[in-house]
Protein backbone atom coordinates (compact mmCIF):
# COMPACT_ATOMS: atom_id res chain seq x y z
CA MET A 1 39.34 -56.78 21.63
CA LYS A 2 42.46 -58.15 20.07
CA CYS A 3 41.76 -61.61 18.62
CA VAL A 4 43.98 -64.25 20.13
CA ALA A 5 44.24 -68.02 20.21
CA LEU A 6 46.62 -69.48 22.77
CA LEU A 7 47.71 -73.10 22.32
CA VAL A 8 46.97 -75.13 25.46
CA LEU A 9 46.16 -78.69 26.33
CA PHE A 10 42.66 -80.08 26.66
CA SER A 11 41.32 -80.90 30.15
CA ALA A 12 38.30 -83.06 30.79
CA VAL A 13 37.78 -81.00 33.95
CA PRO A 14 35.83 -77.85 33.33
CA GLY A 15 38.00 -74.81 33.81
CA CYS A 16 39.45 -71.93 31.91
CA GLY A 17 41.97 -73.36 29.53
CA GLY A 18 45.52 -72.07 29.51
CA SER A 19 49.16 -72.14 28.59
CA GLN A 20 52.49 -72.02 30.36
CA PRO A 21 54.86 -69.13 29.60
CA PRO A 22 56.69 -68.45 27.46
CA ILE A 23 54.06 -68.46 24.66
CA GLY A 24 55.52 -70.10 21.58
CA ALA A 25 55.74 -68.55 18.17
CA PRO A 26 52.57 -68.76 16.01
CA GLY A 27 52.19 -72.34 14.85
CA ALA A 28 51.09 -73.67 11.45
CA MET A 29 47.64 -75.14 10.98
CA PRO A 30 47.85 -79.00 11.36
CA GLN A 31 47.55 -80.56 7.97
CA SER A 32 44.82 -82.94 9.27
CA ARG A 33 42.54 -80.01 9.91
CA ALA A 34 39.62 -79.94 7.45
CA ILE A 35 36.42 -77.92 7.31
CA ALA A 36 33.21 -79.84 6.65
CA ALA A 37 30.88 -76.90 6.44
CA HIS A 38 29.17 -77.53 3.13
CA ALA A 39 27.64 -74.11 2.93
CA GLU A 40 31.07 -72.43 2.95
CA ARG A 41 32.09 -73.63 -0.51
CA ASP A 42 29.67 -71.16 -2.25
CA GLY A 43 29.99 -68.40 0.32
CA SER A 44 26.45 -68.84 1.67
CA TRP A 45 27.69 -69.89 5.13
CA MET A 46 29.25 -66.44 5.79
CA ARG A 47 26.30 -64.53 4.28
CA ARG A 48 23.88 -66.34 6.58
CA ALA A 49 26.13 -66.09 9.61
CA ALA A 50 26.80 -62.47 9.36
CA SER A 51 23.36 -61.44 10.48
CA ALA A 52 22.48 -64.29 12.85
CA ASP A 53 23.53 -65.35 16.37
CA LEU A 54 25.25 -68.74 16.34
CA ILE A 55 25.85 -71.49 18.87
CA TYR A 56 29.37 -72.99 18.81
CA ALA A 57 29.34 -76.44 20.45
CA THR A 58 32.69 -78.10 21.00
CA GLY A 59 33.14 -81.88 20.83
CA PHE A 60 35.88 -84.44 20.31
CA ASN A 61 37.72 -83.59 17.01
CA ARG A 62 35.02 -81.34 15.73
CA ILE A 63 33.00 -78.07 16.44
CA TYR A 64 29.28 -77.86 15.62
CA VAL A 65 27.88 -74.46 14.50
CA LEU A 66 24.13 -74.09 15.03
CA THR A 67 21.68 -71.30 14.72
CA PHE A 68 20.35 -69.57 17.83
CA PRO A 69 17.65 -69.95 19.18
CA ASP A 70 16.34 -72.83 17.15
CA GLY A 71 19.52 -74.99 17.24
CA THR A 72 19.58 -75.87 13.54
CA LEU A 73 22.98 -77.30 12.46
CA VAL A 74 24.48 -75.24 9.74
CA GLY A 75 28.07 -76.38 9.71
CA THR A 76 30.69 -78.70 11.25
CA ILE A 77 34.34 -77.93 11.69
CA HIS A 78 36.54 -81.10 11.68
CA ASP A 79 39.91 -80.14 13.16
CA ASN A 80 41.00 -83.54 14.75
CA LEU A 81 41.55 -81.83 18.12
CA ALA A 82 40.19 -82.67 21.59
CA HIS A 83 38.40 -79.65 22.75
CA GLY A 84 37.82 -78.02 26.08
CA ASN A 85 35.12 -75.52 27.03
CA ALA A 86 34.65 -72.62 24.63
CA CYS A 87 33.80 -69.05 25.54
CA ALA A 88 32.86 -65.92 23.54
CA ASP A 89 33.28 -62.19 23.94
CA GLY A 90 30.91 -59.35 23.26
CA SER A 91 31.97 -58.93 19.68
CA GLY A 92 31.06 -62.57 18.65
CA ASN A 93 34.61 -63.87 18.69
CA VAL A 94 34.70 -67.60 19.95
CA PHE A 95 37.66 -68.95 21.80
CA VAL A 96 38.15 -72.84 21.81
CA PRO A 97 40.66 -74.63 23.96
CA ALA A 98 42.02 -77.75 22.35
CA TYR A 99 44.72 -80.44 22.41
CA ASN A 100 46.54 -81.85 19.44
CA SER A 101 47.61 -85.46 20.30
CA GLN A 102 49.88 -85.71 17.31
CA THR A 103 52.18 -82.88 18.49
CA MET A 104 51.28 -83.10 22.24
CA THR A 105 50.50 -79.42 22.05
CA GLY A 106 47.52 -77.48 23.33
CA GLU A 107 45.84 -74.58 21.70
CA ILE A 108 43.04 -72.04 22.04
CA ASP A 109 41.74 -71.18 18.61
CA GLU A 110 39.85 -67.95 18.00
CA TYR A 111 36.96 -67.90 15.45
CA ALA A 112 35.44 -64.66 14.37
CA HIS A 113 31.65 -64.65 14.18
CA GLY A 114 30.58 -67.18 11.47
CA ALA A 115 34.09 -68.31 10.75
CA THR A 116 35.13 -71.88 10.25
CA THR A 117 38.91 -71.43 10.55
CA PRO A 118 40.68 -69.74 13.40
CA THR A 119 42.31 -66.39 12.88
CA ILE A 120 45.37 -66.77 15.11
CA VAL A 121 47.06 -69.91 16.49
CA GLU A 122 49.89 -69.97 19.03
CA THR A 123 51.45 -73.16 20.42
CA ASP A 124 52.11 -74.21 24.01
CA PRO A 125 53.35 -77.74 24.67
CA LYS A 126 52.55 -80.02 27.61
CA ARG A 127 49.71 -78.05 29.23
CA GLU A 128 45.97 -78.57 29.43
CA PRO A 129 43.09 -76.12 29.56
CA GLY A 130 39.42 -76.20 30.55
CA VAL A 131 36.79 -73.42 30.35
CA CYS A 132 38.01 -70.01 29.18
CA SER A 133 36.49 -66.62 30.09
CA ILE A 134 36.76 -63.15 28.60
CA ASP A 135 37.00 -59.97 30.67
CA ARG A 136 34.56 -57.53 29.04
CA THR A 137 36.30 -54.54 30.57
CA THR A 138 39.76 -55.25 29.14
CA GLY A 139 39.45 -58.01 26.59
CA ASN A 140 41.85 -60.21 28.67
CA LEU A 141 41.44 -64.01 28.42
CA ALA A 142 41.56 -66.10 31.52
CA PHE A 143 41.74 -69.87 31.74
CA THR A 144 42.61 -72.72 34.10
CA ASP A 145 45.99 -74.43 33.15
CA TYR A 146 47.17 -77.93 33.98
CA ASP A 147 50.31 -79.92 33.14
CA THR A 148 49.87 -83.26 31.41
CA SER A 149 49.41 -85.10 34.76
CA GLY A 150 46.40 -82.88 35.51
CA LYS A 151 47.78 -81.96 38.91
CA ASP A 152 49.71 -78.81 38.47
CA GLY A 153 46.69 -76.50 38.21
CA MET A 154 46.85 -72.69 37.92
CA VAL A 155 44.78 -69.87 36.52
CA ALA A 156 46.39 -67.97 33.64
CA VAL A 157 45.51 -64.51 32.32
CA TYR A 158 46.52 -63.34 28.87
CA ASP A 159 46.73 -59.53 28.62
CA SER A 160 45.17 -58.51 25.31
CA GLY A 161 47.12 -55.20 25.34
CA THR A 162 50.58 -56.29 26.22
CA GLU A 163 50.27 -59.98 25.10
CA ALA A 164 51.82 -60.95 28.42
CA LEU A 165 50.76 -64.20 30.07
CA GLN A 166 50.54 -64.27 33.89
CA HIS A 167 49.93 -67.45 35.88
CA TYR A 168 48.34 -67.48 39.37
CA ARG A 169 48.74 -70.48 41.63
CA ILE A 170 46.00 -71.53 44.03
CA HIS A 171 46.45 -74.01 46.79
CA ASN A 172 45.33 -77.51 45.58
CA GLY A 173 45.02 -76.06 42.16
CA TYR A 174 44.63 -79.47 40.53
CA GLU A 175 41.11 -79.46 41.93
CA LEU A 176 40.17 -76.19 40.11
CA ALA A 177 37.03 -76.75 38.06
CA SER A 178 36.22 -73.42 36.52
CA CYS A 179 36.81 -69.70 36.34
CA GLY A 180 35.10 -66.62 35.09
CA TYR A 181 34.89 -62.81 35.27
CA ASP A 182 32.25 -60.54 36.64
CA ASN A 183 31.21 -57.20 35.04
CA GLU A 184 34.02 -55.26 36.78
CA GLY A 185 36.97 -57.44 35.74
CA ASN A 186 37.21 -59.41 38.95
CA LEU A 187 38.13 -63.02 38.27
CA PHE A 188 36.60 -65.97 40.17
CA ALA A 189 37.77 -69.59 40.33
CA ALA A 190 35.92 -72.54 41.93
CA ARG A 191 36.86 -76.01 43.19
CA GLY A 192 34.61 -79.06 43.06
CA GLY A 193 32.91 -80.62 46.07
CA THR A 194 33.79 -77.82 48.45
CA ARG A 195 32.40 -74.59 49.85
CA GLN A 196 35.40 -72.67 48.40
CA LEU A 197 35.42 -69.89 45.90
CA TYR A 198 38.47 -67.63 44.99
CA GLU A 199 38.58 -64.09 43.75
CA LEU A 200 41.29 -62.22 41.99
CA ARG A 201 40.22 -58.57 42.39
CA THR A 202 41.15 -56.08 39.62
CA GLY A 203 44.64 -54.75 40.31
CA GLU A 204 45.59 -57.33 42.94
CA LYS A 205 48.42 -59.91 42.55
CA SER A 206 46.94 -63.06 44.09
CA PHE A 207 43.66 -64.90 44.60
CA ARG A 208 41.85 -64.60 47.90
CA TRP A 209 39.63 -67.22 49.47
CA LEU A 210 35.90 -66.52 49.77
CA ARG A 211 33.77 -68.31 52.28
CA LEU A 212 30.82 -69.85 50.50
CA GLY A 213 27.74 -71.01 52.41
CA GLN A 214 27.14 -74.20 50.40
CA SER A 215 29.03 -76.88 48.53
CA LEU A 216 29.10 -76.39 44.76
CA GLY A 217 28.97 -80.00 43.78
CA TRP A 218 30.98 -79.96 40.53
CA PRO A 219 31.13 -76.36 39.22
CA GLY A 220 30.84 -75.82 35.49
CA ARG A 221 30.56 -72.43 33.81
CA ILE A 222 31.16 -69.24 35.78
CA GLN A 223 29.43 -66.37 34.07
CA TRP A 224 28.23 -62.82 34.84
CA TYR A 225 24.64 -62.53 33.80
CA GLY A 226 21.60 -60.40 34.93
CA GLY A 227 23.69 -58.38 37.39
CA LEU A 228 24.83 -61.48 39.38
CA LEU A 229 27.69 -63.98 39.24
CA THR A 230 26.34 -67.34 38.16
CA ILE A 231 27.92 -70.71 38.75
CA GLN A 232 26.77 -73.72 36.93
CA GLU A 233 26.59 -77.03 38.94
CA GLU A 234 27.04 -79.78 36.44
CA SER A 235 26.37 -82.52 38.93
CA PRO A 236 24.87 -84.23 40.97
CA ASP A 237 21.87 -81.79 40.85
CA PRO A 238 22.31 -79.67 37.71
CA ALA A 239 21.45 -76.07 38.31
CA ILE A 240 22.52 -72.37 37.87
CA ASP A 241 23.46 -70.77 41.18
CA ARG A 242 23.21 -66.98 41.50
CA ILE A 243 25.94 -65.69 43.88
CA VAL A 244 26.33 -62.40 45.65
CA VAL A 245 29.85 -61.58 46.89
CA SER A 246 30.42 -59.30 49.82
CA GLY A 247 33.82 -58.78 51.41
CA SER A 248 35.35 -62.18 52.09
CA THR A 249 31.98 -64.08 51.82
CA ALA A 250 29.76 -65.30 48.99
CA ARG A 251 26.14 -66.25 49.46
CA LEU A 252 23.49 -67.98 47.34
CA ALA A 253 20.87 -65.41 46.00
CA GLY A 254 18.92 -67.80 43.94
CA ARG A 255 19.01 -71.15 42.15
CA THR A 256 17.70 -72.28 38.69
CA PRO A 257 17.33 -76.02 38.48
CA LEU A 258 17.98 -77.65 35.09
CA ARG A 259 15.73 -80.60 34.95
CA ILE A 260 15.22 -83.15 32.25
CA ASN A 261 13.39 -86.41 32.51
CA GLY A 262 14.86 -89.78 31.43
CA HIS A 263 18.44 -88.71 30.84
CA SER A 264 21.69 -88.40 32.69
CA ARG A 265 21.69 -85.86 35.61
CA TYR A 266 25.12 -84.84 34.39
CA HIS A 267 25.22 -81.61 32.36
CA LEU A 268 28.23 -80.20 30.63
CA ALA A 269 29.41 -76.64 30.29
CA SER A 270 26.39 -74.33 29.65
CA TRP A 271 25.94 -70.81 28.45
CA ILE A 272 23.37 -68.16 29.32
CA TYR A 273 22.15 -65.81 26.58
CA GLU A 274 18.96 -63.79 26.08
CA SER A 275 17.02 -65.46 28.97
CA THR A 276 18.02 -68.87 27.70
CA VAL A 277 20.31 -71.56 29.23
CA ILE A 278 21.90 -73.90 26.69
CA ALA A 279 23.71 -77.05 27.86
CA PRO A 280 24.86 -80.45 26.45
CA ILE A 281 23.52 -83.28 28.47
CA GLY A 282 23.25 -87.02 28.44
CA TRP A 283 25.84 -89.58 27.40
CA ARG A 284 28.78 -87.72 25.93
CA GLY A 285 26.63 -84.62 25.62
CA ALA A 286 24.64 -86.00 22.70
CA ILE A 287 21.61 -83.91 23.67
CA LEU A 288 21.45 -80.11 23.42
CA ALA A 289 18.82 -78.73 25.86
CA PHE A 290 17.36 -75.19 26.16
CA TRP A 291 15.72 -73.76 29.30
CA ASN A 292 14.07 -70.44 30.14
CA TYR A 293 16.28 -68.45 32.44
CA PRO A 294 15.91 -67.81 35.40
CA LYS A 295 12.75 -69.91 35.57
CA ALA A 296 14.14 -73.13 33.95
CA GLY A 297 12.63 -76.31 35.42
CA LYS A 298 11.91 -78.54 32.41
CA PRO A 299 13.66 -77.68 29.16
CA THR A 300 11.72 -75.77 26.51
CA LYS A 301 13.40 -77.73 23.75
CA THR A 302 15.85 -80.68 23.25
CA GLU A 303 17.86 -81.49 20.19
CA LYS A 304 19.34 -84.96 19.92
CA ARG A 305 21.97 -86.51 17.65
CA PRO A 306 23.26 -89.78 19.11
CA LYS A 307 26.59 -89.70 17.29
CA ARG A 308 27.44 -86.15 18.51
CA TRP A 309 29.80 -85.62 21.38
CA MET A 310 29.55 -82.15 22.91
CA GLN A 311 31.66 -80.81 25.67
CA SER A 312 30.49 -77.21 25.89
CA VAL A 313 28.50 -74.47 24.21
CA THR A 314 28.87 -70.78 23.73
CA VAL A 315 26.95 -68.14 21.68
CA SER A 316 28.60 -65.94 19.06
CA VAL A 317 26.60 -62.73 18.79
CA ALA A 318 25.99 -61.09 15.37
CA ARG A 319 27.32 -57.52 15.33
């Protein structure tokens, strides 16, 4: 897949981050951006990262890089940007939506596996992103896209082959919370607090409404895993819902509760990888929790750093 990083604005609402056409010319790296990965100075960072799966956890003005599955912190990227919810493709490339408050410009930076600087940066002013998602069949990048008021919400798709950016408007788009692809390149988008799910089928020009038999609470990550579409419910009862889509309806096929005692019931954007769910939880996402999937229940492990703020996690696979 072609590596791309589209500049878009940060949205506190989980979604697929985006940008408004036309895409600007490649922008220069902000001078305030600095890398604080101590291992990189002698090259040991890249040598270790090349053969290990890594967790990229986005936070306010920094990105944490940890080992998978043990969660050991191996590097921190200080870029002075406010981040949205990251995603990764099957080749280990990580895409990070962000917002630069100095230039009032958004961006999605792409990091190759183990990298601490983005490979490509393109600017897009006065828009905000949320959660991004990669189509494994085409390499296209999808994301929700908002203006600076947070009300003009759309879903945008960047074509990795033509480099064209297409926006899709959904009724009451400012309530869009997330989007994600299935294994056939169909794109789904969800709204919070409703029984509504939307689908953009491969080759079609507009989203269609799917009748969902339950309210989603506040949808987080939409991800294809284990042969099913999964939708994370961040609150009020954190869980991973397994969804089957048939025609114009979508039904719940199973539910994985994400429980943790003594902490906030609000979980931020998760990621499922190798039968493990990873999610930031608690006040400002200061705790990183791991659950078995699809069993879940109580976490198998928690890792806490009170001064850390984490918005989302994704896993960069070693290839």
